[in-house]
Protein backbone atom coordinates (compact mmCIF):
# COMPACT_ATOMS: atom_id res chain seq x y z
CA UNK A 1 -61.92 21.13 -44.49
CA UNK A 2 -65.10 22.26 -42.71
CA UNK A 3 -64.70 24.88 -39.99
CA UNK A 4 -66.39 22.67 -37.38
CA UNK A 5 -64.05 19.80 -38.11
CA UNK A 6 -61.00 22.10 -38.17
CA UNK A 7 -61.72 23.64 -34.75
CA UNK A 8 -62.34 20.16 -33.37
CA UNK A 9 -59.11 18.83 -34.93
CA UNK A 10 -56.96 21.60 -33.45
CA UNK A 11 -58.52 20.99 -30.02
CA UNK A 12 -60.38 24.22 -29.33
CA UNK A 13 -63.61 22.31 -28.80
CA UNK A 14 -64.12 18.90 -27.26
CA UNK A 15 -66.79 17.76 -29.75
CA UNK A 16 -67.92 18.80 -33.21
CA UNK A 17 -71.40 19.29 -31.81
CA UNK A 18 -70.06 22.05 -29.55
CA UNK A 19 -68.59 23.80 -32.60
CA UNK A 20 -71.90 23.47 -34.43
CA UNK A 21 -73.72 25.09 -31.50
CA UNK A 22 -71.20 27.95 -31.48
CA UNK A 23 -71.80 28.46 -35.21
CA UNK A 24 -75.55 28.57 -34.67
CA UNK A 25 -75.04 31.27 -32.03
CA UNK A 26 -72.89 33.29 -34.49
CA UNK A 27 -69.79 32.98 -32.27
CA UNK A 28 -67.54 31.89 -35.17
CA UNK A 29 -66.43 34.01 -38.11
CA UNK A 30 -64.11 33.13 -40.98
CA UNK A 31 -62.39 36.11 -42.63
CA UNK A 32 -64.87 38.48 -40.99
CA UNK A 33 -68.01 36.66 -42.14
CA UNK A 34 -70.29 34.65 -39.86
CA UNK A 35 -69.68 30.97 -40.58
CA UNK A 36 -71.95 27.97 -40.77
CA UNK A 37 -70.48 24.64 -39.59
CA UNK A 38 -70.03 23.53 -43.22
CA UNK A 39 -67.95 26.59 -44.21
CA UNK A 40 -64.74 25.47 -45.91
CA UNK A 41 -61.47 26.59 -44.32
CA UNK A 42 -58.23 27.02 -46.26
CA UNK A 43 -54.65 27.92 -45.26
CA UNK A 44 -54.17 31.61 -44.33
CA UNK A 45 -57.85 32.02 -43.40
CA UNK A 46 -58.45 33.98 -40.21
CA UNK A 47 -60.92 32.43 -37.76
CA UNK A 48 -62.37 34.43 -34.88
CA UNK A 49 -64.51 32.72 -32.28
CA UNK A 50 -65.81 33.33 -28.79
CA UNK A 51 -65.39 30.65 -26.15
CA UNK A 52 -65.48 31.01 -22.35
CA UNK A 53 -65.71 34.83 -22.54
CA UNK A 54 -62.52 35.01 -24.61
CA UNK A 55 -62.47 36.05 -28.25
CA UNK A 56 -59.83 33.88 -29.91
CA UNK A 57 -58.20 34.91 -33.18
CA UNK A 58 -56.32 32.23 -35.09
CA UNK A 59 -54.78 31.90 -38.53
CA UNK A 60 -54.98 28.59 -40.34
CA UNK A 61 -51.48 27.45 -41.34
CA UNK A 62 -52.27 23.95 -42.61
CA UNK A 63 -55.13 21.48 -42.70
CA UNK A 64 -54.73 18.37 -40.49
CA UNK A 65 -55.81 14.93 -41.68
CA UNK A 66 -57.38 13.97 -38.34
CA UNK A 67 -57.58 15.28 -34.77
CA UNK A 68 -54.03 16.03 -33.65
CA UNK A 69 -52.26 15.75 -30.32
CA UNK A 70 -51.92 18.82 -28.14
CA UNK A 71 -48.19 19.11 -28.86
CA UNK A 72 -48.76 19.20 -32.63
CA UNK A 73 -51.49 21.86 -32.68
CA UNK A 74 -49.06 24.72 -33.36
CA UNK A 75 -48.16 23.19 -36.73
CA UNK A 76 -51.69 23.78 -38.00
CA UNK A 77 -52.60 27.15 -36.50
CA UNK A 78 -51.12 30.46 -35.38
CA UNK A 79 -52.74 32.00 -32.31
CA UNK A 80 -53.17 35.77 -32.81
CA UNK A 81 -55.23 36.31 -29.65
CA UNK A 82 -54.01 39.44 -27.82
CA UNK A 83 -52.65 38.71 -24.33
CA UNK A 84 -54.91 41.42 -22.85
CA UNK A 85 -57.92 39.14 -23.32
CA UNK A 86 -56.39 36.50 -21.05
CA UNK A 87 -55.49 39.19 -18.49
CA UNK A 88 -59.11 40.35 -18.59
CA UNK A 89 -60.27 36.79 -17.84
CA UNK A 90 -57.94 36.64 -14.82
CA UNK A 91 -59.42 39.91 -13.54
CA UNK A 92 -62.91 38.45 -13.89
CA UNK A 93 -61.90 35.41 -11.85
CA UNK A 94 -60.36 37.55 -9.13
CA UNK A 95 -63.40 39.82 -8.95
CA UNK A 96 -65.70 36.82 -8.51
CA UNK A 97 -63.56 35.54 -5.63
CA UNK A 98 -63.88 38.92 -3.94
CA UNK A 99 -67.60 38.36 -3.48
CA UNK A 100 -69.34 35.39 -1.90
CA UNK A 101 -68.17 31.85 -2.45
CA UNK A 102 -70.20 29.75 -4.86
CA UNK A 103 -72.94 27.73 -3.23
CA UNK A 104 -73.16 29.70 0.02
CA UNK A 105 -76.66 30.98 -0.79
CA UNK A 106 -78.17 34.35 -0.02
CA UNK A 107 -76.44 36.75 2.37
CA UNK A 108 -77.62 36.52 5.98
CA UNK A 109 -78.59 39.53 8.07
CA UNK A 110 -75.17 39.44 9.69
CA UNK A 111 -73.47 39.46 6.26
CA UNK A 112 -75.57 42.44 5.17
CA UNK A 113 -74.78 44.34 8.38
CA UNK A 114 -71.07 43.64 7.92
CA UNK A 115 -71.26 44.97 4.37
CA UNK A 116 -73.11 48.07 5.59
CA UNK A 117 -70.38 48.64 8.19
CA UNK A 118 -67.69 48.39 5.51
CA UNK A 119 -69.56 50.83 3.27
CA UNK A 120 -70.09 53.20 6.21
CA UNK A 121 -66.38 53.14 7.09
CA UNK A 122 -65.29 53.88 3.53
CA UNK A 123 -67.79 56.72 3.12
CA UNK A 124 -66.76 58.40 6.41
CA UNK A 125 -63.04 58.18 5.57
CA UNK A 126 -63.42 60.40 2.50
């Protein structure tokens, strides 16, 4: 089975076109080699791909006939992605929340002065 069809069948990507784009950007490797969308995938192949700032590592266990339901995905793949990568993504989300909310625009003069006050307080405490 083609790598683009496989990743679509096991529900990592919503469309095959998205997988093709990821292949063109060299985000997908099969057994350590950069893969084209037409690269054939066999059982026990290791696929590594980058999606949403996470580098997933999966092992192909079996080849599905068609796109499978979410509950049946584990029959066809083994997820070898280290848990630290998901923890790193959570840290990224938390750090973004620390700053300004999305869509609030540029900081106002008052915001900048408040930030300066915070920086001044932390530098004088040391």
